[in-house]
Amino acid sequence: MRASLFITCYNDTLYPETGRAVVRLLERLGVELEFQPRQTCCGQMHANTGFRAEAFSQAKRFVRLYQDAETVVIPSSSCVAMIRDQYPGLFQELGNEDLRRQFEALVPRVFELSEFLIDRLGVDDVGAYFPHRVAYHASCHGVRALHLGDRPYRLLGKVRGLELVPIENGERCCGFGGTFSIKNSEVSSAMLTAKLHDVLSTRAEYCTALDNSCLMHIGGALHRQYAAMRTIHLAQILASTETAPPEQVA
C-alpha cells in the first residue's frame, strides 16, 4: 500500500520527531510512503479567525497536491477535522465547483493516523514496546468531530509493556483551541487547570494524545509546575521498539 504523509505545519515546525516516528512506524508495517515537499498548512487557523480567502488558498493547495494519492495519512485529528468539516463550506462559498468535485473524490482517502492503522490497514498490534505508565488525552476534534471512539485505546492496549491508565473526565477539553487560548486566555487557563488536575491524578509517567497542539498546552503546564510527567505523541509510542525507543519527548 502507498500513502502520502501530510505532516501538518504544527508538527513540521515544532515537533518534527512526530513525523519521523510516523515514517518509522508505517514503513515497519510495509507502507510505501510519499512526501509532498510543497505541502503547507491545512488552513485551520485562517478559517477559524475569519481569513476565509487565505484558508481557501490552503484548501486548494491540499486538494491539488493529493488528488492522485492512494491515501493520505495525517497525525493530527484537528487537521483532519478541518479538512472534512470546513473544506466543503470553503469551496461552496467561493463557487469553485471543479475543486469541490475533486475534494469529494479525495476526502474518503484522507485518514487520521489511528483511523489509517485500524480502518485501512486492519491492524491494532503494530509491534510496539513502551514499558511505561501512560494516560491518554482524547482531544476534542478526535472525540467530537472524527468520532474516533476506541481506536487509540485499542492501539495503546496492544503495546507491550505499556500500562494504560484512564483520565477522569477523559472527554474534557484541555482549553487550547488554537487562537482560543490567546483570545480567551483566562477561560483557557481555567480549563487547563481542571484538565491538569485529572491528568496528574493518574500518576502516569507520560500523557499521550493524537494532537501535539493539545500536548504542547498540557506540557507547558506540566513544565511550569515542575511535574515529572512528560508528553508524547501517540505516533512516537507506536513507533517505539526494544531496539529503537522514542527519538525525543517533550
C-alpha atoms as a PDB file:
ATOM      1  CA  MET A   1       0.000   0.000   0.000  1.00  0.00           C
ATOM      2  CA  ARG A   2       1.117   3.535  -0.755  1.00  0.00           C
ATOM      3  CA  ALA A   3       0.314   6.566   1.361  1.00  0.00           C
ATOM      4  CA  SER A   4       1.190  10.252   1.313  1.00  0.00           C
ATOM      5  CA  LEU A   5       2.170  11.822   4.624  1.00  0.00           C
ATOM      6  CA  PHE A   6       0.685  15.243   5.363  1.00  0.00           C
ATOM      7  CA  ILE A   7       2.783  16.123   8.377  1.00  0.00           C
ATOM      8  CA  THR A   8       0.947  19.390   9.235  1.00  0.00           C
ATOM      9  CA  CYS A   9       2.669  22.734   9.730  1.00  0.00           C
ATOM     10  CA  TYR A  10       2.465  22.398  13.516  1.00  0.00           C
ATOM     11  CA  ASN A  11       4.444  19.176  13.582  1.00  0.00           C
ATOM     12  CA  ASP A  12       6.838  20.342  10.896  1.00  0.00           C
ATOM     13  CA  THR A  13       7.846  23.490  12.748  1.00  0.00           C
ATOM     14  CA  LEU A  14       7.621  22.406  16.399  1.00  0.00           C
ATOM     15  CA  TYR A  15       7.520  18.609  16.651  1.00  0.00           C
ATOM     16  CA  PRO A  16       9.391  17.057  13.693  1.00  0.00           C
ATOM     17  CA  GLU A  17      10.086  13.937  15.788  1.00  0.00           C
ATOM     18  CA  THR A  18       6.399  13.049  15.390  1.00  0.00           C
ATOM     19  CA  GLY A  19       6.695  12.954  11.614  1.00  0.00           C
ATOM     20  CA  ARG A  20       9.805  10.828  11.786  1.00  0.00           C
ATOM     21  CA  ALA A  21       8.001   8.447  14.135  1.00  0.00           C
ATOM     22  CA  VAL A  22       5.113   8.104  11.666  1.00  0.00           C
ATOM     23  CA  VAL A  23       7.598   7.231   8.919  1.00  0.00           C
ATOM     24  CA  ARG A  24       9.327   4.583  11.055  1.00  0.00           C
ATOM     25  CA  LEU A  25       6.017   3.093  12.127  1.00  0.00           C
ATOM     26  CA  LEU A  26       4.382   2.888   8.704  1.00  0.00           C
ATOM     27  CA  GLU A  27       7.491   1.662   6.905  1.00  0.00           C
ATOM     28  CA  ARG A  28       7.779  -1.085   9.538  1.00  0.00           C
ATOM     29  CA  LEU A  29       4.228  -2.083   8.623  1.00  0.00           C
ATOM     30  CA  GLY A  30       5.099  -2.259   4.928  1.00  0.00           C
ATOM     31  CA  VAL A  31       3.549   1.019   3.790  1.00  0.00           C
ATOM     32  CA  GLU A  32       5.320   2.792   0.928  1.00  0.00           C
ATOM     33  CA  LEU A  33       5.339   6.443   1.937  1.00  0.00           C
ATOM     34  CA  GLU A  34       5.389   9.524  -0.251  1.00  0.00           C
ATOM     35  CA  PHE A  35       6.050  13.067   0.885  1.00  0.00           C
ATOM     36  CA  GLN A  36       4.971  16.198  -0.955  1.00  0.00           C
ATOM     37  CA  PRO A  37       7.598  18.857  -0.140  1.00  0.00           C
ATOM     38  CA  ARG A  38       5.247  21.624  -1.345  1.00  0.00           C
ATOM     39  CA  GLN A  39       2.708  20.902   1.403  1.00  0.00           C
ATOM     40  CA  THR A  40       1.998  23.718   3.841  1.00  0.00           C
ATOM     41  CA  CYS A  41      -0.916  24.279   6.263  1.00  0.00           C
ATOM     42  CA  CYS A  42      -4.443  22.857   6.198  1.00  0.00           C
ATOM     43  CA  GLY A  43      -5.742  26.410   6.730  1.00  0.00           C
ATOM     44  CA  GLN A  44      -7.475  25.813  10.047  1.00  0.00           C
ATOM     45  CA  MET A  45      -6.122  28.840  11.866  1.00  0.00           C
ATOM     46  CA  HIS A  46      -7.019  31.072   8.921  1.00  0.00           C
ATOM     47  CA  ALA A  47     -10.583  29.758   8.694  1.00  0.00           C
ATOM     48  CA  ASN A  48     -11.149  29.928  12.440  1.00  0.00           C
ATOM     49  CA  THR A  49     -10.073  33.559  12.639  1.00  0.00           C
ATOM     50  CA  GLY A  50     -12.112  34.762   9.674  1.00  0.00           C
ATOM     51  CA  PHE A  51      -9.478  34.756   6.930  1.00  0.00           C
ATOM     52  CA  ARG A  52     -11.591  32.691   4.572  1.00  0.00           C
ATOM     53  CA  ALA A  53      -9.742  33.595   1.350  1.00  0.00           C
ATOM     54  CA  GLU A  54      -6.411  32.568   2.861  1.00  0.00           C
ATOM     55  CA  ALA A  55      -7.980  29.341   4.152  1.00  0.00           C
ATOM     56  CA  PHE A  56      -9.350  28.646   0.681  1.00  0.00           C
ATOM     57  CA  SER A  57      -5.855  29.033  -0.751  1.00  0.00           C
ATOM     58  CA  GLN A  58      -4.566  26.331   1.606  1.00  0.00           C
ATOM     59  CA  ALA A  59      -7.534  24.052   0.899  1.00  0.00           C
ATOM     60  CA  LYS A  60      -6.990  24.405  -2.841  1.00  0.00           C
ATOM     61  CA  ARG A  61      -3.308  23.540  -2.451  1.00  0.00           C
ATOM     62  CA  PHE A  62      -4.146  20.448  -0.373  1.00  0.00           C
ATOM     63  CA  VAL A  63      -6.654  19.097  -2.896  1.00  0.00           C
ATOM     64  CA  ARG A  64      -4.379  19.678  -5.881  1.00  0.00           C
ATOM     65  CA  LEU A  65      -1.353  18.131  -4.167  1.00  0.00           C
ATOM     66  CA  TYR A  66      -3.163  14.975  -3.085  1.00  0.00           C
ATOM     67  CA  GLN A  67      -5.881  14.426  -5.696  1.00  0.00           C
ATOM     68  CA  ASP A  68      -3.974  11.449  -7.133  1.00  0.00           C
ATOM     69  CA  ALA A  69      -2.795   9.976  -3.826  1.00  0.00           C
ATOM     70  CA  GLU A  70      -3.859   6.442  -2.951  1.00  0.00           C
ATOM     71  CA  THR A  71      -4.299   7.508   0.677  1.00  0.00           C
ATOM     72  CA  VAL A  72      -3.285  10.478   2.814  1.00  0.00           C
ATOM     73  CA  VAL A  73      -2.193   9.962   6.442  1.00  0.00           C
ATOM     74  CA  ILE A  74      -2.282  12.858   8.925  1.00  0.00           C
ATOM     75  CA  PRO A  75      -1.015  12.600  12.543  1.00  0.00           C
ATOM     76  CA  SER A  76      -3.420  15.277  13.797  1.00  0.00           C
ATOM     77  CA  SER A  77      -7.141  14.885  14.397  1.00  0.00           C
ATOM     78  CA  SER A  78      -7.694  18.660  14.318  1.00  0.00           C
ATOM     79  CA  CYS A  79      -6.282  18.972  10.794  1.00  0.00           C
ATOM     80  CA  VAL A  80      -8.356  16.034   9.540  1.00  0.00           C
ATOM     81  CA  ALA A  81     -11.426  17.615  11.122  1.00  0.00           C
ATOM     82  CA  MET A  82     -10.643  20.886   9.333  1.00  0.00           C
ATOM     83  CA  ILE A  83     -10.418  19.091   6.005  1.00  0.00           C
ATOM     84  CA  ARG A  84     -13.618  17.103   6.446  1.00  0.00           C
ATOM     85  CA  ASP A  85     -15.758  19.747   8.138  1.00  0.00           C
ATOM     86  CA  GLN A  86     -14.653  23.111   6.733  1.00  0.00           C
ATOM     87  CA  TYR A  87     -13.333  22.475   3.213  1.00  0.00           C
ATOM     88  CA  PRO A  88     -16.822  21.815   1.764  1.00  0.00           C
ATOM     89  CA  GLY A  89     -18.037  25.190   3.028  1.00  0.00           C
ATOM     90  CA  LEU A  90     -14.970  26.984   1.696  1.00  0.00           C
ATOM     91  CA  PHE A  91     -15.425  25.568  -1.792  1.00  0.00           C
ATOM     92  CA  GLN A  92     -19.140  26.356  -1.745  1.00  0.00           C
ATOM     93  CA  GLU A  93     -18.583  29.939  -0.555  1.00  0.00           C
ATOM     94  CA  LEU A  94     -16.137  30.663  -3.334  1.00  0.00           C
ATOM     95  CA  GLY A  95     -18.102  28.845  -6.002  1.00  0.00           C
ATOM     96  CA  ASN A  96     -15.330  26.558  -7.258  1.00  0.00           C
ATOM     97  CA  GLU A  97     -17.310  23.574  -8.494  1.00  0.00           C
ATOM     98  CA  ASP A  98     -14.299  21.772 -10.000  1.00  0.00           C
ATOM     99  CA  LEU A  99     -12.400  21.872  -6.726  1.00  0.00           C
ATOM    100  CA  ARG A 100     -15.482  20.789  -4.822  1.00  0.00           C
ATOM    101  CA  ARG A 101     -15.801  17.676  -7.008  1.00  0.00           C
ATOM    102  CA  GLN A 102     -12.081  16.924  -6.691  1.00  0.00           C
ATOM    103  CA  PHE A 103     -12.365  17.258  -2.923  1.00  0.00           C
ATOM    104  CA  GLU A 104     -15.359  14.923  -2.725  1.00  0.00           C
ATOM    105  CA  ALA A 105     -13.353  12.295  -4.608  1.00  0.00           C
ATOM    106  CA  LEU A 106     -10.328  12.775  -2.330  1.00  0.00           C
ATOM    107  CA  VAL A 107     -11.828  13.031   1.162  1.00  0.00           C
ATOM    108  CA  PRO A 108     -12.670   9.288   1.597  1.00  0.00           C
ATOM    109  CA  ARG A 109      -8.920   8.633   1.189  1.00  0.00           C
ATOM    110  CA  VAL A 110      -7.840  11.048   3.958  1.00  0.00           C
ATOM    111  CA  PHE A 111      -7.162   9.393   7.330  1.00  0.00           C
ATOM    112  CA  GLU A 112      -6.061  10.393  10.800  1.00  0.00           C
ATOM    113  CA  LEU A 113      -3.242   8.055  11.938  1.00  0.00           C
ATOM    114  CA  SER A 114      -5.293   5.791  14.239  1.00  0.00           C
ATOM    115  CA  GLU A 115      -8.021   5.543  11.580  1.00  0.00           C
ATOM    116  CA  PHE A 116      -5.449   4.585   8.971  1.00  0.00           C
ATOM    117  CA  LEU A 117      -3.943   1.845  11.119  1.00  0.00           C
ATOM    118  CA  ILE A 118      -7.211   0.249  12.197  1.00  0.00           C
ATOM    119  CA  ASP A 119      -9.635   1.026   9.357  1.00  0.00           C
ATOM    120  CA  ARG A 120      -7.290   0.961   6.353  1.00  0.00           C
ATOM    121  CA  LEU A 121      -4.503  -1.417   7.367  1.00  0.00           C
ATOM    122  CA  GLY A 122      -6.669  -3.516   9.659  1.00  0.00           C
ATOM    123  CA  VAL A 123      -4.113  -3.733  12.477  1.00  0.00           C
ATOM    124  CA  ASP A 124      -4.192  -2.758  16.128  1.00  0.00           C
ATOM    125  CA  ASP A 125      -0.987  -4.517  17.205  1.00  0.00           C
ATOM    126  CA  VAL A 126       1.828  -2.651  15.465  1.00  0.00           C
ATOM    127  CA  GLY A 127       4.664  -4.417  17.269  1.00  0.00           C
ATOM    128  CA  ALA A 128       5.409  -1.553  19.645  1.00  0.00           C
ATOM    129  CA  TYR A 129       7.166  -1.727  23.011  1.00  0.00           C
ATOM    130  CA  PHE A 130       6.905   1.095  25.551  1.00  0.00           C
ATOM    131  CA  PRO A 131       7.336  -0.044  29.188  1.00  0.00           C
ATOM    132  CA  HIS A 132       5.745   2.937  30.901  1.00  0.00           C
ATOM    133  CA  ARG A 133       2.581   4.047  32.670  1.00  0.00           C
ATOM    134  CA  VAL A 134       0.637   6.161  30.153  1.00  0.00           C
ATOM    135  CA  ALA A 135      -2.507   8.324  30.271  1.00  0.00           C
ATOM    136  CA  TYR A 136      -4.336   9.110  27.025  1.00  0.00           C
ATOM    137  CA  HIS A 137      -5.908  12.558  26.488  1.00  0.00           C
ATOM    138  CA  ALA A 138      -8.775  12.358  23.985  1.00  0.00           C
ATOM    139  CA  SER A 139      -8.631  15.629  22.056  1.00  0.00           C
ATOM    140  CA  CYS A 140     -11.854  17.413  21.169  1.00  0.00           C
ATOM    141  CA  HIS A 141     -11.527  17.009  17.408  1.00  0.00           C
ATOM    142  CA  GLY A 142     -10.873  13.296  17.734  1.00  0.00           C
ATOM    143  CA  VAL A 143     -13.872  12.791  20.035  1.00  0.00           C
ATOM    144  CA  ARG A 144     -16.445  15.211  18.661  1.00  0.00           C
ATOM    145  CA  ALA A 145     -15.531  15.697  15.003  1.00  0.00           C
ATOM    146  CA  LEU A 146     -13.916  12.429  13.887  1.00  0.00           C
ATOM    147  CA  HIS A 147     -15.687  10.151  16.395  1.00  0.00           C
ATOM    148  CA  LEU A 148     -12.576   8.035  16.767  1.00  0.00           C
ATOM    149  CA  GLY A 149     -14.086   6.050  19.601  1.00  0.00           C
ATOM    150  CA  ASP A 150     -11.843   3.340  20.988  1.00  0.00           C
ATOM    151  CA  ARG A 151      -9.297   3.275  18.156  1.00  0.00           C
ATOM    152  CA  PRO A 152      -6.470   4.985  20.117  1.00  0.00           C
ATOM    153  CA  TYR A 153      -7.210   2.829  23.158  1.00  0.00           C
ATOM    154  CA  ARG A 154      -7.068  -0.353  21.075  1.00  0.00           C
ATOM    155  CA  LEU A 155      -3.682   0.632  19.687  1.00  0.00           C
ATOM    156  CA  LEU A 156      -2.269   1.550  23.099  1.00  0.00           C
ATOM    157  CA  GLY A 157      -3.719  -1.604  24.628  1.00  0.00           C
ATOM    158  CA  LYS A 158      -1.587  -3.773  22.327  1.00  0.00           C
ATOM    159  CA  VAL A 159       1.714  -2.009  23.105  1.00  0.00           C
ATOM    160  CA  ARG A 160       3.908  -4.424  25.058  1.00  0.00           C
ATOM    161  CA  GLY A 161       4.966  -3.183  28.478  1.00  0.00           C
ATOM    162  CA  LEU A 162       2.576  -0.237  28.461  1.00  0.00           C
ATOM    163  CA  GLU A 163       0.191   0.301  31.368  1.00  0.00           C
ATOM    164  CA  LEU A 164      -2.729   2.431  30.185  1.00  0.00           C
ATOM    165  CA  VAL A 165      -4.412   4.395  32.980  1.00  0.00           C
ATOM    166  CA  PRO A 166      -7.701   6.268  32.443  1.00  0.00           C
ATOM    167  CA  ILE A 167      -8.008  10.021  32.889  1.00  0.00           C
ATOM    168  CA  GLU A 168     -11.003  11.143  34.926  1.00  0.00           C
ATOM    169  CA  ASN A 169     -13.321  13.326  32.804  1.00  0.00           C
ATOM    170  CA  GLY A 170     -11.475  11.996  29.773  1.00  0.00           C
ATOM    171  CA  GLU A 171     -13.528  13.893  27.197  1.00  0.00           C
ATOM    172  CA  ARG A 172     -12.989  17.265  28.883  1.00  0.00           C
ATOM    173  CA  CYS A 173     -11.210  19.832  26.670  1.00  0.00           C
ATOM    174  CA  CYS A 174      -7.684  20.900  27.641  1.00  0.00           C
ATOM    175  CA  GLY A 175      -8.520  24.505  26.753  1.00  0.00           C
ATOM    176  CA  PHE A 176      -6.099  25.050  23.878  1.00  0.00           C
ATOM    177  CA  GLY A 177      -8.334  25.506  20.850  1.00  0.00           C
ATOM    178  CA  GLY A 178      -5.679  27.278  18.796  1.00  0.00           C
ATOM    179  CA  THR A 179      -6.318  31.023  18.859  1.00  0.00           C
ATOM    180  CA  PHE A 180      -8.977  30.420  21.538  1.00  0.00           C
ATOM    181  CA  SER A 181      -6.178  30.108  24.109  1.00  0.00           C
ATOM    182  CA  ILE A 182      -4.930  33.566  23.085  1.00  0.00           C
ATOM    183  CA  LYS A 183      -8.218  35.416  22.666  1.00  0.00           C
ATOM    184  CA  ASN A 184      -9.801  33.824  25.725  1.00  0.00           C
ATOM    185  CA  SER A 185      -6.725  33.203  27.836  1.00  0.00           C
ATOM    186  CA  GLU A 186      -8.456  33.303  31.225  1.00  0.00           C
ATOM    187  CA  VAL A 187     -11.077  30.732  30.216  1.00  0.00           C
ATOM    188  CA  SER A 188      -8.408  28.630  28.528  1.00  0.00           C
ATOM    189  CA  SER A 189      -6.235  28.689  31.654  1.00  0.00           C
ATOM    190  CA  ALA A 190      -9.156  27.644  33.836  1.00  0.00           C
ATOM    191  CA  MET A 191      -9.907  24.712  31.526  1.00  0.00           C
ATOM    192  CA  LEU A 192      -6.258  23.731  31.518  1.00  0.00           C
ATOM    193  CA  THR A 193      -6.122  23.783  35.315  1.00  0.00           C
ATOM    194  CA  ALA A 194      -9.038  21.354  35.521  1.00  0.00           C
ATOM    195  CA  LYS A 195      -7.517  19.088  32.867  1.00  0.00           C
ATOM    196  CA  LEU A 196      -4.126  19.140  34.541  1.00  0.00           C
ATOM    197  CA  HIS A 197      -5.645  18.025  37.846  1.00  0.00           C
ATOM    198  CA  ASP A 198      -7.183  14.990  36.143  1.00  0.00           C
ATOM    199  CA  VAL A 199      -4.001  14.202  34.195  1.00  0.00           C
ATOM    200  CA  LEU A 200      -1.720  14.384  37.237  1.00  0.00           C
ATOM    201  CA  SER A 201      -4.129  12.303  39.295  1.00  0.00           C
ATOM    202  CA  THR A 202      -3.341   9.320  37.066  1.00  0.00           C
ATOM    203  CA  ARG A 203       0.258   9.265  38.354  1.00  0.00           C
ATOM    204  CA  ALA A 204       1.302   8.305  34.835  1.00  0.00           C
ATOM    205  CA  GLU A 205       4.809   8.821  33.506  1.00  0.00           C
ATOM    206  CA  TYR A 206       3.536  10.077  30.157  1.00  0.00           C
ATOM    207  CA  CYS A 207       0.474  11.823  28.776  1.00  0.00           C
ATOM    208  CA  THR A 208      -0.191  10.993  25.132  1.00  0.00           C
ATOM    209  CA  ALA A 209      -2.640  12.288  22.526  1.00  0.00           C
ATOM    210  CA  LEU A 210      -3.235  12.469  18.786  1.00  0.00           C
ATOM    211  CA  ASP A 211      -2.536  16.206  18.584  1.00  0.00           C
ATOM    212  CA  ASN A 212       0.697  17.946  19.510  1.00  0.00           C
ATOM    213  CA  SER A 213      -1.252  21.176  19.960  1.00  0.00           C
ATOM    214  CA  CYS A 214      -3.041  19.706  22.989  1.00  0.00           C
ATOM    215  CA  LEU A 215       0.196  18.148  24.207  1.00  0.00           C
ATOM    216  CA  MET A 216       2.001  21.492  23.948  1.00  0.00           C
ATOM    217  CA  HIS A 217      -0.707  23.125  26.071  1.00  0.00           C
ATOM    218  CA  ILE A 218      -0.669  20.368  28.683  1.00  0.00           C
ATOM    219  CA  GLY A 219       3.106  20.020  28.534  1.00  0.00           C
ATOM    220  CA  GLY A 220       3.598  23.726  29.180  1.00  0.00           C
ATOM    221  CA  ALA A 221       1.523  23.487  32.339  1.00  0.00           C
ATOM    222  CA  LEU A 222       3.418  20.383  33.472  1.00  0.00           C
ATOM    223  CA  HIS A 223       6.694  22.221  32.927  1.00  0.00           C
ATOM    224  CA  ARG A 224       5.553  25.266  34.902  1.00  0.00           C
ATOM    225  CA  GLN A 225       4.626  23.014  37.814  1.00  0.00           C
ATOM    226  CA  TYR A 226       7.931  21.129  37.627  1.00  0.00           C
ATOM    227  CA  ALA A 227       5.942  17.916  37.229  1.00  0.00           C
ATOM    228  CA  ALA A 228       7.762  14.708  36.395  1.00  0.00           C
ATOM    229  CA  MET A 229       5.162  13.631  33.818  1.00  0.00           C
ATOM    230  CA  ARG A 230       6.104  14.143  30.172  1.00  0.00           C
ATOM    231  CA  THR A 231       4.072  14.404  26.975  1.00  0.00           C
ATOM    232  CA  ILE A 232       4.491  12.239  23.898  1.00  0.00           C
ATOM    233  CA  HIS A 233       2.534  11.869  20.652  1.00  0.00           C
ATOM    234  CA  LEU A 234       0.795   8.545  20.042  1.00  0.00           C
ATOM    235  CA  ALA A 235       2.914   8.004  16.919  1.00  0.00           C
ATOM    236  CA  GLN A 236       6.102   8.028  18.995  1.00  0.00           C
ATOM    237  CA  ILE A 237       4.765   5.331  21.303  1.00  0.00           C
ATOM    238  CA  LEU A 238       3.625   3.172  18.400  1.00  0.00           C
ATOM    239  CA  ALA A 239       6.963   3.580  16.615  1.00  0.00           C
ATOM    240  CA  SER A 240       8.917   2.576  19.733  1.00  0.00           C
ATOM    241  CA  THR A 241      10.540  -0.876  19.974  1.00  0.00           C
ATOM    242  CA  GLU A 242      13.035  -2.565  22.276  1.00  0.00           C
ATOM    243  CA  THR A 243      15.897  -1.535  19.996  1.00  0.00           C
ATOM    244  CA  ALA A 244      14.517   1.855  18.946  1.00  0.00           C
ATOM    245  CA  PRO A 245      12.950   3.855  21.807  1.00  0.00           C
ATOM    246  CA  PRO A 246      11.326   7.252  21.122  1.00  0.00           C
ATOM    247  CA  GLU A 247      13.676   9.717  19.490  1.00  0.00           C
ATOM    248  CA  GLN A 248      12.625  12.629  21.655  1.00  0.00           C
ATOM    249  CA  VAL A 249       9.896  13.575  24.091  1.00  0.00           C
ATOM    250  CA  ALA A 250       8.620  16.995  25.123  1.00  0.00           C
END
